[in-house]
Full PDB file with SEQRES, HELIX, SHEET, SSBOND, CRYST1, ORIGX, SCALE, CONECT and MASTER records, all heavy atoms in Angstrom:
SEQRES   1 A   37  GLU GLY ILE GLY THR VAL SER ASN VAL GLU GLY SER PHE          
SEQRES   2 A   37  THR LEU GLU ILE GLU ASP ILE HIS LYS TYR LEU GLY ALA          
SEQRES   3 A   37  THR LEU LEU PHE SER SER LEU GLY TYR LYS LYS                  
HELIX    1 AA1 ILE A   20  TYR A   23  5                                   4    
CRYST1    1.000    1.000    1.000  90.00  90.00  90.00 P 1           1          
ORIGX1      1.000000  0.000000  0.000000        0.00000                         
ORIGX2      0.000000  1.000000  0.000000        0.00000                         
ORIGX3      0.000000  0.000000  1.000000        0.00000                         
SCALE1      1.000000  0.000000  0.000000        0.00000                         
SCALE2      0.000000  1.000000  0.000000        0.00000                         
SCALE3      0.000000  0.000000  1.000000        0.00000                         
ATOM      1  N   GLU A   1     127.986 102.472 105.399  1.00  0.00           N  
ATOM      2  CA  GLU A   1     127.916 101.437 106.431  1.00  0.00           C  
ATOM      3  C   GLU A   1     127.987 100.020 105.864  1.00  0.00           C  
ATOM      4  O   GLU A   1     127.970  99.055 106.623  1.00  0.00           O  
ATOM      5  CB  GLU A   1     126.623 101.588 107.246  1.00  0.00           C  
ATOM      6  CG  GLU A   1     126.597 102.822 108.125  1.00  0.00           C  
ATOM      7  CD  GLU A   1     127.627 102.778 109.242  1.00  0.00           C  
ATOM      8  OE1 GLU A   1     128.116 101.679 109.576  1.00  0.00           O  
ATOM      9  OE2 GLU A   1     127.957 103.848 109.780  1.00  0.00           O  
ATOM     10  N   GLY A   2     128.043  99.862 104.554  1.00  0.00           N  
ATOM     11  CA  GLY A   2     128.110  98.537 103.971  1.00  0.00           C  
ATOM     12  C   GLY A   2     126.825  97.748 104.115  1.00  0.00           C  
ATOM     13  O   GLY A   2     126.834  96.515 104.052  1.00  0.00           O  
ATOM     14  N   ILE A   3     125.722  98.429 104.336  1.00  0.00           N  
ATOM     15  CA  ILE A   3     124.403  97.798 104.442  1.00  0.00           C  
ATOM     16  C   ILE A   3     123.548  98.344 103.313  1.00  0.00           C  
ATOM     17  O   ILE A   3     123.171  99.519 103.323  1.00  0.00           O  
ATOM     18  CB  ILE A   3     123.734  98.085 105.798  1.00  0.00           C  
ATOM     19  CG1 ILE A   3     124.589  97.508 106.934  1.00  0.00           C  
ATOM     20  CG2 ILE A   3     122.327  97.506 105.843  1.00  0.00           C  
ATOM     21  CD1 ILE A   3     124.082  97.876 108.311  1.00  0.00           C  
ATOM     22  N   GLY A   4     123.290  97.502 102.320  1.00  0.00           N  
ATOM     23  CA  GLY A   4     122.538  98.018 101.187  1.00  0.00           C  
ATOM     24  C   GLY A   4     122.098  96.910 100.251  1.00  0.00           C  
ATOM     25  O   GLY A   4     122.460  95.744 100.410  1.00  0.00           O  
ATOM     26  N   THR A   5     121.312  97.296  99.259  1.00  0.00           N  
ATOM     27  CA  THR A   5     120.829  96.355  98.252  1.00  0.00           C  
ATOM     28  C   THR A   5     120.462  97.141  97.000  1.00  0.00           C  
ATOM     29  O   THR A   5     120.655  98.362  96.930  1.00  0.00           O  
ATOM     30  CB  THR A   5     119.627  95.545  98.783  1.00  0.00           C  
ATOM     31  OG1 THR A   5     119.325  94.496  97.879  1.00  0.00           O  
ATOM     32  CG2 THR A   5     118.393  96.429  98.960  1.00  0.00           C  
ATOM     33  N   VAL A   6     119.906  96.438  96.009  1.00  0.00           N  
ATOM     34  CA  VAL A   6     119.468  97.058  94.762  1.00  0.00           C  
ATOM     35  C   VAL A   6     118.068  96.530  94.452  1.00  0.00           C  
ATOM     36  O   VAL A   6     117.800  95.334  94.602  1.00  0.00           O  
ATOM     37  CB  VAL A   6     120.425  96.700  93.603  1.00  0.00           C  
ATOM     38  CG1 VAL A   6     119.919  97.282  92.286  1.00  0.00           C  
ATOM     39  CG2 VAL A   6     121.834  97.209  93.900  1.00  0.00           C  
ATOM     40  N   SER A   7     117.167  97.410  94.044  1.00  0.00           N  
ATOM     41  CA  SER A   7     115.827  96.952  93.670  1.00  0.00           C  
ATOM     42  C   SER A   7     115.905  96.092  92.411  1.00  0.00           C  
ATOM     43  O   SER A   7     116.819  96.244  91.590  1.00  0.00           O  
ATOM     44  CB  SER A   7     114.902  98.154  93.435  1.00  0.00           C  
ATOM     45  OG  SER A   7     115.327  98.910  92.313  1.00  0.00           O  
ATOM     46  N   ASN A   8     114.946  95.163  92.253  1.00  0.00           N  
ATOM     47  CA  ASN A   8     114.968  94.297  91.079  1.00  0.00           C  
ATOM     48  C   ASN A   8     114.315  95.001  89.890  1.00  0.00           C  
ATOM     49  O   ASN A   8     113.993  96.198  89.950  1.00  0.00           O  
ATOM     50  CB  ASN A   8     114.309  92.947  91.382  1.00  0.00           C  
ATOM     51  CG  ASN A   8     112.829  93.066  91.698  1.00  0.00           C  
ATOM     52  OD1 ASN A   8     112.188  94.091  91.411  1.00  0.00           O  
ATOM     53  ND2 ASN A   8     112.255  92.029  92.272  1.00  0.00           N  
ATOM     54  N   VAL A   9     114.090  94.264  88.816  1.00  0.00           N  
ATOM     55  CA  VAL A   9     113.600  94.877  87.595  1.00  0.00           C  
ATOM     56  C   VAL A   9     112.204  95.483  87.770  1.00  0.00           C  
ATOM     57  O   VAL A   9     111.809  96.399  87.043  1.00  0.00           O  
ATOM     58  CB  VAL A   9     113.612  93.842  86.442  1.00  0.00           C  
ATOM     59  CG1 VAL A   9     112.568  92.764  86.655  1.00  0.00           C  
ATOM     60  CG2 VAL A   9     113.452  94.512  85.087  1.00  0.00           C  
ATOM     61  N   GLU A  10     111.429  94.990  88.750  1.00  0.00           N  
ATOM     62  CA  GLU A  10     110.089  95.557  89.010  1.00  0.00           C  
ATOM     63  C   GLU A  10     110.135  96.690  90.039  1.00  0.00           C  
ATOM     64  O   GLU A  10     109.112  97.297  90.345  1.00  0.00           O  
ATOM     65  CB  GLU A  10     109.143  94.480  89.521  1.00  0.00           C  
ATOM     66  CG  GLU A  10     108.705  93.473  88.479  1.00  0.00           C  
ATOM     67  CD  GLU A  10     109.703  92.342  88.318  1.00  0.00           C  
ATOM     68  OE1 GLU A  10     110.472  92.106  89.286  1.00  0.00           O  
ATOM     69  OE2 GLU A  10     109.735  91.713  87.253  1.00  0.00           O  
ATOM     70  N   GLY A  11     111.309  96.951  90.614  1.00  0.00           N  
ATOM     71  CA  GLY A  11     111.429  97.983  91.625  1.00  0.00           C  
ATOM     72  C   GLY A  11     111.311  97.476  93.053  1.00  0.00           C  
ATOM     73  O   GLY A  11     111.437  98.246  94.004  1.00  0.00           O  
ATOM     74  N   SER A  12     111.079  96.174  93.230  1.00  0.00           N  
ATOM     75  CA  SER A  12     110.928  95.601  94.582  1.00  0.00           C  
ATOM     76  C   SER A  12     112.284  95.363  95.230  1.00  0.00           C  
ATOM     77  O   SER A  12     113.279  95.119  94.534  1.00  0.00           O  
ATOM     78  CB  SER A  12     110.150  94.289  94.507  1.00  0.00           C  
ATOM     79  OG  SER A  12     108.862  94.499  93.961  1.00  0.00           O  
ATOM     80  N   PHE A  13     112.317  95.376  96.558  1.00  0.00           N  
ATOM     81  CA  PHE A  13     113.576  95.174  97.265  1.00  0.00           C  
ATOM     82  C   PHE A  13     113.320  94.597  98.659  1.00  0.00           C  
ATOM     83  O   PHE A  13     112.226  94.720  99.215  1.00  0.00           O  
ATOM     84  CB  PHE A  13     114.355  96.483  97.409  1.00  0.00           C  
ATOM     85  CG  PHE A  13     113.720  97.477  98.355  1.00  0.00           C  
ATOM     86  CD1 PHE A  13     114.086  97.520  99.699  1.00  0.00           C  
ATOM     87  CD2 PHE A  13     112.750  98.363  97.915  1.00  0.00           C  
ATOM     88  CE1 PHE A  13     113.506  98.419 100.574  1.00  0.00           C  
ATOM     89  CE2 PHE A  13     112.159  99.277  98.778  1.00  0.00           C  
ATOM     90  CZ  PHE A  13     112.542  99.298 100.109  1.00  0.00           C  
ATOM     91  N   THR A  14     114.349  93.981  99.215  1.00  0.00           N  
ATOM     92  CA  THR A  14     114.373  93.543 100.610  1.00  0.00           C  
ATOM     93  C   THR A  14     115.702  93.955 101.204  1.00  0.00           C  
ATOM     94  O   THR A  14     116.759  93.642 100.647  1.00  0.00           O  
ATOM     95  CB  THR A  14     114.208  92.014 100.723  1.00  0.00           C  
ATOM     96  OG1 THR A  14     112.959  91.628 100.153  1.00  0.00           O  
ATOM     97  CG2 THR A  14     114.264  91.576 102.188  1.00  0.00           C  
ATOM     98  N   LEU A  15     115.675  94.650 102.307  1.00  0.00           N  
ATOM     99  CA  LEU A  15     116.894  95.092 102.978  1.00  0.00           C  
ATOM    100  C   LEU A  15     116.889  94.569 104.402  1.00  0.00           C  
ATOM    101  O   LEU A  15     115.958  94.831 105.160  1.00  0.00           O  
ATOM    102  CB  LEU A  15     116.989  96.624 102.981  1.00  0.00           C  
ATOM    103  CG  LEU A  15     118.212  97.208 103.692  1.00  0.00           C  
ATOM    104  CD1 LEU A  15     119.487  96.804 102.971  1.00  0.00           C  
ATOM    105  CD2 LEU A  15     118.114  98.728 103.776  1.00  0.00           C  
ATOM    106  N   GLU A  16     117.939  93.827 104.742  1.00  0.00           N  
ATOM    107  CA  GLU A  16     118.076  93.275 106.087  1.00  0.00           C  
ATOM    108  C   GLU A  16     119.067  94.104 106.890  1.00  0.00           C  
ATOM    109  O   GLU A  16     120.181  94.362 106.434  1.00  0.00           O  
ATOM    110  CB  GLU A  16     118.570  91.823 106.017  1.00  0.00           C  
ATOM    111  CG  GLU A  16     117.739  90.906 105.131  1.00  0.00           C  
ATOM    112  CD  GLU A  16     116.485  90.416 105.822  1.00  0.00           C  
ATOM    113  OE1 GLU A  16     116.243  90.840 106.971  1.00  0.00           O  
ATOM    114  OE2 GLU A  16     115.760  89.612 105.233  1.00  0.00           O  
ATOM    115  N   ILE A  17     118.649  94.512 108.100  1.00  0.00           N  
ATOM    116  CA  ILE A  17     119.537  95.238 109.020  1.00  0.00           C  
ATOM    117  C   ILE A  17     119.648  94.414 110.288  1.00  0.00           C  
ATOM    118  O   ILE A  17     118.649  94.178 110.973  1.00  0.00           O  
ATOM    119  CB  ILE A  17     119.002  96.650 109.320  1.00  0.00           C  
ATOM    120  CG1 ILE A  17     118.836  97.442 108.012  1.00  0.00           C  
ATOM    121  CG2 ILE A  17     119.928  97.393 110.274  1.00  0.00           C  
ATOM    122  CD1 ILE A  17     118.222  98.803 108.199  1.00  0.00           C  
ATOM    123  N   GLU A  18     120.843  93.975 110.601  1.00  0.00           N  
ATOM    124  CA  GLU A  18     121.026  93.029 111.701  1.00  0.00           C  
ATOM    125  C   GLU A  18     120.823  93.660 113.076  1.00  0.00           C  
ATOM    126  O   GLU A  18     120.074  93.147 113.898  1.00  0.00           O  
ATOM    127  CB  GLU A  18     122.428  92.419 111.626  1.00  0.00           C  
ATOM    128  CG  GLU A  18     122.691  91.407 112.726  1.00  0.00           C  
ATOM    129  CD  GLU A  18     124.089  90.841 112.652  1.00  0.00           C  
ATOM    130  OE1 GLU A  18     124.873  91.286 111.801  1.00  0.00           O  
ATOM    131  OE2 GLU A  18     124.401  89.952 113.460  1.00  0.00           O  
ATOM    132  N   ASP A  19     121.485  94.769 113.319  1.00  0.00           N  
ATOM    133  CA  ASP A  19     121.426  95.412 114.643  1.00  0.00           C  
ATOM    134  C   ASP A  19     120.720  96.753 114.499  1.00  0.00           C  
ATOM    135  O   ASP A  19     121.354  97.790 114.366  1.00  0.00           O  
ATOM    136  CB  ASP A  19     122.834  95.581 115.193  1.00  0.00           C  
ATOM    137  CG  ASP A  19     122.828  96.129 116.626  1.00  0.00           C  
ATOM    138  OD1 ASP A  19     121.726  96.342 117.173  1.00  0.00           O  
ATOM    139  OD2 ASP A  19     123.919  96.338 117.182  1.00  0.00           O  
ATOM    140  N   ILE A  20     119.406  96.707 114.530  1.00  0.00           N  
ATOM    141  CA  ILE A  20     118.646  97.934 114.299  1.00  0.00           C  
ATOM    142  C   ILE A  20     118.895  98.977 115.371  1.00  0.00           C  
ATOM    143  O   ILE A  20     118.824 100.180 115.129  1.00  0.00           O  
ATOM    144  CB  ILE A  20     117.130  97.612 114.169  1.00  0.00           C  
ATOM    145  CG1 ILE A  20     116.367  98.865 113.718  1.00  0.00           C  
ATOM    146  CG2 ILE A  20     116.592  97.068 115.481  1.00  0.00           C  
ATOM    147  CD1 ILE A  20     116.850  99.441 112.414  1.00  0.00           C  
ATOM    148  N   HIS A  21     119.226  98.531 116.600  1.00  0.00           N  
ATOM    149  CA  HIS A  21     119.475  99.491 117.677  1.00  0.00           C  
ATOM    150  C   HIS A  21     120.648 100.422 117.335  1.00  0.00           C  
ATOM    151  O   HIS A  21     120.668 101.584 117.726  1.00  0.00           O  
ATOM    152  CB  HIS A  21     119.760  98.750 118.984  1.00  0.00           C  
ATOM    153  CG  HIS A  21     118.664  97.808 119.379  1.00  0.00           C  
ATOM    154  ND1 HIS A  21     117.390  98.236 119.669  1.00  0.00           N  
ATOM    155  CD2 HIS A  21     118.650  96.449 119.507  1.00  0.00           C  
ATOM    156  CE1 HIS A  21     116.622  97.181 119.964  1.00  0.00           C  
ATOM    157  NE2 HIS A  21     117.371  96.092 119.873  1.00  0.00           N  
ATOM    158  N   LYS A  22     121.599  99.892 116.588  1.00  0.00           N  
ATOM    159  CA  LYS A  22     122.777 100.675 116.202  1.00  0.00           C  
ATOM    160  C   LYS A  22     122.427 101.755 115.178  1.00  0.00           C  
ATOM    161  O   LYS A  22     123.105 102.782 115.099  1.00  0.00           O  
ATOM    162  CB  LYS A  22     123.850  99.740 115.636  1.00  0.00           C  
ATOM    163  CG  LYS A  22     125.136 100.429 115.213  1.00  0.00           C  
ATOM    164  CD  LYS A  22     126.131  99.409 114.690  1.00  0.00           C  
ATOM    165  CE  LYS A  22     127.406 100.093 114.204  1.00  0.00           C  
ATOM    166  NZ  LYS A  22     128.395  99.110 113.666  1.00  0.00           N  
ATOM    167  N   TYR A  23     121.348 101.517 114.411  1.00  0.00           N  
ATOM    168  CA  TYR A  23     121.048 102.410 113.292  1.00  0.00           C  
ATOM    169  C   TYR A  23     119.725 103.150 113.456  1.00  0.00           C  
ATOM    170  O   TYR A  23     119.152 103.611 112.469  1.00  0.00           O  
ATOM    171  CB  TYR A  23     121.042 101.609 111.992  1.00  0.00           C  
ATOM    172  CG  TYR A  23     122.370 100.967 111.697  1.00  0.00           C  
ATOM    173  CD1 TYR A  23     122.553  99.594 111.856  1.00  0.00           C  
ATOM    174  CD2 TYR A  23     123.449 101.731 111.276  1.00  0.00           C  
ATOM    175  CE1 TYR A  23     123.777  98.991 111.595  1.00  0.00           C  
ATOM    176  CE2 TYR A  23     124.678 101.141 111.006  1.00  0.00           C  
ATOM    177  CZ  TYR A  23     124.841  99.775 111.187  1.00  0.00           C  
ATOM    178  OH  TYR A  23     126.060  99.199 110.922  1.00  0.00           O  
ATOM    179  N   LEU A  24     119.234 103.268 114.688  1.00  0.00           N  
ATOM    180  CA  LEU A  24     117.953 103.951 114.901  1.00  0.00           C  
ATOM    181  C   LEU A  24     117.984 105.391 114.400  1.00  0.00           C  
ATOM    182  O   LEU A  24     116.976 105.920 113.933  1.00  0.00           O  
ATOM    183  CB  LEU A  24     117.588 103.919 116.378  1.00  0.00           C  
ATOM    184  CG  LEU A  24     117.039 102.591 116.900  1.00  0.00           C  
ATOM    185  CD1 LEU A  24     116.821 102.665 118.406  1.00  0.00           C  
ATOM    186  CD2 LEU A  24     115.734 102.225 116.190  1.00  0.00           C  
ATOM    187  N   GLY A  25     119.138 106.015 114.487  1.00  0.00           N  
ATOM    188  CA  GLY A  25     119.234 107.406 114.044  1.00  0.00           C  
ATOM    189  C   GLY A  25     119.724 107.562 112.625  1.00  0.00           C  
ATOM    190  O   GLY A  25     119.937 108.687 112.160  1.00  0.00           O  
ATOM    191  N   ALA A  26     119.886 106.444 111.917  1.00  0.00           N  
ATOM    192  CA  ALA A  26     120.425 106.490 110.553  1.00  0.00           C  
ATOM    193  C   ALA A  26     119.330 106.759 109.525  1.00  0.00           C  
ATOM    194  O   ALA A  26     118.136 106.721 109.828  1.00  0.00           O  
ATOM    195  CB  ALA A  26     121.141 105.185 110.238  1.00  0.00           C  
ATOM    196  N   THR A  27     119.769 107.009 108.309  1.00  0.00           N  
ATOM    197  CA  THR A  27     118.850 107.316 107.215  1.00  0.00           C  
ATOM    198  C   THR A  27     119.132 106.414 106.029  1.00  0.00           C  
ATOM    199  O   THR A  27     120.293 106.189 105.673  1.00  0.00           O  
ATOM    200  CB  THR A  27     119.003 108.788 106.778  1.00  0.00           C  
ATOM    201  OG1 THR A  27     118.665 109.637 107.879  1.00  0.00           O  
ATOM    202  CG2 THR A  27     118.096 109.106 105.600  1.00  0.00           C  
ATOM    203  N   LEU A  28     118.071 105.896 105.412  1.00  0.00           N  
ATOM    204  CA  LEU A  28     118.216 105.134 104.174  1.00  0.00           C  
ATOM    205  C   LEU A  28     118.269 106.102 102.997  1.00  0.00           C  
ATOM    206  O   LEU A  28     117.480 107.042 102.912  1.00  0.00           O  
ATOM    207  CB  LEU A  28     117.037 104.182 103.977  1.00  0.00           C  
ATOM    208  CG  LEU A  28     116.924 102.985 104.910  1.00  0.00           C  
ATOM    209  CD1 LEU A  28     115.660 102.198 104.586  1.00  0.00           C  
ATOM    210  CD2 LEU A  28     118.148 102.091 104.776  1.00  0.00           C  
ATOM    211  N   LEU A  29     119.221 105.855 102.100  1.00  0.00           N  
ATOM    212  CA  LEU A  29     119.348 106.680 100.903  1.00  0.00           C  
ATOM    213  C   LEU A  29     118.943 105.861  99.684  1.00  0.00           C  
ATOM    214  O   LEU A  29     119.413 104.740  99.477  1.00  0.00           O  
ATOM    215  CB  LEU A  29     120.785 107.172 100.740  1.00  0.00           C  
ATOM    216  CG  LEU A  29     121.062 108.016  99.486  1.00  0.00           C  
ATOM    217  CD1 LEU A  29     120.258 109.315  99.515  1.00  0.00           C  
ATOM    218  CD2 LEU A  29     122.557 108.317  99.361  1.00  0.00           C  
ATOM    219  N   PHE A  30     118.055 106.423  98.870  1.00  0.00           N  
ATOM    220  CA  PHE A  30     117.619 105.805  97.618  1.00  0.00           C  
ATOM    221  C   PHE A  30     118.154 106.679  96.481  1.00  0.00           C  
ATOM    222  O   PHE A  30     117.878 107.889  96.453  1.00  0.00           O  
ATOM    223  CB  PHE A  30     116.099 105.735  97.537  1.00  0.00           C  
ATOM    224  CG  PHE A  30     115.468 104.825  98.555  1.00  0.00           C  
ATOM    225  CD1 PHE A  30     115.369 105.210  99.889  1.00  0.00           C  
ATOM    226  CD2 PHE A  30     114.969 103.577  98.195  1.00  0.00           C  
ATOM    227  CE1 PHE A  30     114.783 104.386 100.837  1.00  0.00           C  
ATOM    228  CE2 PHE A  30     114.386 102.746  99.134  1.00  0.00           C  
ATOM    229  CZ  PHE A  30     114.298 103.135 100.461  1.00  0.00           C  
ATOM    230  N   SER A  31     118.888 106.091  95.546  1.00  0.00           N  
ATOM    231  CA  SER A  31     119.423 106.873  94.427  1.00  0.00           C  
ATOM    232  C   SER A  31     119.367 106.058  93.135  1.00  0.00           C  
ATOM    233  O   SER A  31     119.553 104.840  93.139  1.00  0.00           O  
ATOM    234  CB  SER A  31     120.865 107.315  94.704  1.00  0.00           C  
ATOM    235  OG  SER A  31     121.729 106.204  94.847  1.00  0.00           O  
ATOM    236  N   SER A  32     119.110 106.759  92.028  1.00  0.00           N  
ATOM    237  CA  SER A  32     119.007 106.102  90.731  1.00  0.00           C  
ATOM    238  C   SER A  32     119.249 107.128  89.636  1.00  0.00           C  
ATOM    239  O   SER A  32     118.929 108.318  89.799  1.00  0.00           O  
ATOM    240  CB  SER A  32     117.613 105.480  90.559  1.00  0.00           C  
ATOM    241  OG  SER A  32     117.486 104.855  89.302  1.00  0.00           O  
ATOM    242  N   LEU A  33     119.807 106.677  88.524  1.00  0.00           N  
ATOM    243  CA  LEU A  33     120.010 107.569  87.390  1.00  0.00           C  
ATOM    244  C   LEU A  33     118.677 108.144  86.941  1.00  0.00           C  
ATOM    245  O   LEU A  33     117.696 107.419  86.784  1.00  0.00           O  
ATOM    246  CB  LEU A  33     120.643 106.808  86.223  1.00  0.00           C  
ATOM    247  CG  LEU A  33     122.092 106.351  86.392  1.00  0.00           C  
ATOM    248  CD1 LEU A  33     122.507 105.496  85.196  1.00  0.00           C  
ATOM    249  CD2 LEU A  33     123.028 107.537  86.530  1.00  0.00           C  
ATOM    250  N   GLY A  34     118.632 109.464  86.753  1.00  0.00           N  
ATOM    251  CA  GLY A  34     117.423 110.113  86.272  1.00  0.00           C  
ATOM    252  C   GLY A  34     116.427 110.480  87.339  1.00  0.00           C  
ATOM    253  O   GLY A  34     115.331 110.958  87.022  1.00  0.00           O  
ATOM    254  N   TYR A  35     116.792 110.278  88.630  1.00  0.00           N  
ATOM    255  CA  TYR A  35     115.862 110.595  89.724  1.00  0.00           C  
ATOM    256  C   TYR A  35     116.569 111.386  90.824  1.00  0.00           C  
ATOM    257  O   TYR A  35     117.780 111.253  91.026  1.00  0.00           O  
ATOM    258  CB  TYR A  35     115.282 109.308  90.330  1.00  0.00           C  
ATOM    259  CG  TYR A  35     114.323 108.601  89.419  1.00  0.00           C  
ATOM    260  CD1 TYR A  35     114.787 107.689  88.472  1.00  0.00           C  
ATOM    261  CD2 TYR A  35     112.956 108.858  89.474  1.00  0.00           C  
ATOM    262  CE1 TYR A  35     113.904 107.035  87.606  1.00  0.00           C  
ATOM    263  CE2 TYR A  35     112.068 108.218  88.624  1.00  0.00           C  
ATOM    264  CZ  TYR A  35     112.552 107.313  87.692  1.00  0.00           C  
ATOM    265  OH  TYR A  35     111.676 106.682  86.845  1.00  0.00           O  
ATOM    266  N   LYS A  36     115.791 112.216  91.519  1.00  0.00           N  
ATOM    267  CA  LYS A  36     116.319 112.925  92.678  1.00  0.00           C  
ATOM    268  C   LYS A  36     116.529 111.936  93.821  1.00  0.00           C  
ATOM    269  O   LYS A  36     115.723 111.025  94.022  1.00  0.00           O  
ATOM    270  CB  LYS A  36     115.347 114.021  93.111  1.00  0.00           C  
ATOM    271  CG  LYS A  36     115.151 115.125  92.079  1.00  0.00           C  
ATOM    272  CD  LYS A  36     114.161 116.173  92.579  1.00  0.00           C  
ATOM    273  CE  LYS A  36     113.939 117.259  91.519  1.00  0.00           C  
ATOM    274  NZ  LYS A  36     112.952 118.285  91.979  1.00  0.00           N  
ATOM    275  N   LYS A  37     117.598 112.106  94.552  1.00  0.00           N  
ATOM    276  CA  LYS A  37     117.862 111.224  95.684  1.00  0.00           C  
ATOM    277  C   LYS A  37     116.760 111.361  96.723  1.00  0.00           C  
ATOM    278  O   LYS A  37     116.187 112.436  96.915  1.00  0.00           O  
ATOM    279  CB  LYS A  37     119.217 111.549  96.309  1.00  0.00           C  
ATOM    280  CG  LYS A  37     120.403 111.224  95.408  1.00  0.00           C  
ATOM    281  CD  LYS A  37     121.724 111.550  96.085  1.00  0.00           C  
ATOM    282  CE  LYS A  37     122.890 111.183  95.187  1.00  0.00           C  
ATOM    283  NZ  LYS A  37     124.203 111.492  95.813  1.00  0.00           N  
TER     284      LYS A  37                                                      
MASTER        0    0    0    1    0    0    0    6  283    1    0    3          
END                                                                             
């Protein structure tokens, strides 16, 4: 969907979603080398 970000060096993040009504049924995916999605 082209809506995403990357956590910083401490693992913190901010993700902005403009039209939340459009994505109420959507799922956020977190992925990183060495970790299960």
